[in-house]
Protein backbone atom coordinates (compact mmCIF):
# COMPACT_ATOMS: atom_id res chain seq x y z
CA MET A 1 1.41 5.91 13.92
CA LYS A 2 3.57 4.76 11.05
CA LEU A 3 2.82 1.47 9.32
CA LEU A 4 5.05 -0.27 6.79
CA VAL A 5 3.14 -1.81 3.87
CA THR A 6 5.14 -4.84 2.72
CA GLN A 7 2.71 -6.33 0.18
CA ILE A 8 -0.49 -5.12 -1.47
CA GLU A 9 -2.87 -6.29 -4.19
CA PHE A 10 -5.28 -3.85 -5.83
CA ASP A 11 -8.58 -4.70 -7.54
CA PHE A 12 -7.67 -3.60 -11.05
CA ASP A 13 -10.62 -5.63 -12.43
CA ASP A 14 -12.91 -2.92 -11.01
CA CYS A 15 -12.05 -0.60 -13.91
CA TYR A 16 -15.00 0.65 -15.92
CA ASP A 17 -13.42 2.66 -18.72
CA GLU A 18 -10.49 0.62 -19.97
CA GLU A 19 -8.04 -2.03 -18.91
CA VAL A 20 -5.10 -0.97 -16.75
CA SER A 21 -1.73 -1.83 -18.29
CA LYS A 22 0.72 -4.07 -16.44
CA GLU A 23 3.14 -1.14 -16.21
CA ASP A 24 0.52 1.01 -14.51
CA GLN A 25 -0.46 -1.83 -12.18
CA LEU A 26 3.17 -2.24 -11.14
CA SER A 27 3.53 1.51 -10.66
CA TYR A 28 0.47 1.72 -8.35
CA THR A 29 1.70 -1.28 -6.38
CA GLN A 30 5.20 0.18 -5.96
CA ASP A 31 3.71 3.52 -4.89
CA ALA A 32 1.78 1.78 -2.11
CA ILE A 33 4.72 -0.20 -0.72
CA GLY A 34 6.44 1.68 2.09
CA ILE A 35 5.60 3.73 5.14
CA TRP A 36 2.15 5.30 5.61
CA GLU A 37 1.30 7.60 8.50
CA VAL A 38 -2.21 7.11 9.94
CA ASP A 39 -3.95 7.72 13.25
CA ASN A 40 -4.82 4.01 13.65
CA GLU A 41 -4.63 0.74 11.71
CA ASP A 42 -8.26 0.98 10.59
CA GLU A 43 -7.44 4.07 8.50
CA LEU A 44 -4.65 2.45 6.46
CA VAL A 45 -6.75 0.79 3.73
CA ASP A 46 -8.95 3.86 3.30
CA LYS A 47 -5.96 6.21 3.07
CA ILE A 48 -4.21 4.10 0.43
CA SER A 49 -7.43 3.66 -1.58
CA ASP A 50 -8.23 7.37 -1.40
CA THR A 51 -4.68 8.35 -2.37
CA LEU A 52 -4.18 5.93 -5.26
CA GLY A 53 -7.80 5.53 -6.39
CA TRP A 54 -8.09 1.73 -6.30
CA CYS A 55 -9.82 -0.73 -3.97
CA ILE A 56 -7.52 -3.13 -2.14
CA LYS A 57 -7.95 -6.91 -2.38
CA SER A 58 -5.26 -7.80 0.15
CA ILE A 59 -2.60 -6.06 2.19
CA ASN A 60 0.25 -7.02 4.52
CA TYR A 61 1.72 -4.45 6.86
CA GLN A 62 3.55 -4.12 10.15
CA PRO A 63 4.45 -1.36 12.57
CA ASN A 64 7.44 0.58 11.33
CA ALA A 65 10.56 -0.61 13.13
CA PRO A 66 14.29 -0.38 12.50
CA HIS A 67 15.64 -3.25 10.46
CA PRO A 68 17.89 -5.47 12.62
CA LEU A 69 20.70 -5.50 10.04
CA THR A 70 20.84 -1.75 9.50
CA SER A 71 19.93 -0.32 12.92
CA TYR A 72 22.50 0.84 15.41
CA LEU A 73 22.36 0.30 19.16
């Protein structure tokens, strides 16, 4: 199943070594926005955390669907 992540917030305060720059925070967030392929919805948070290396505070997602303004009948 493909899920579209529309908004995500990582827990960058959980950094032990040094503070994460705003540029890096933005980069991780932009990398997470988009389509993720998982077997079920329960795997989404774990897959993103495992891939990008950060815990997730909050996430908004939806099933991937054609956008009404750009899809063709």
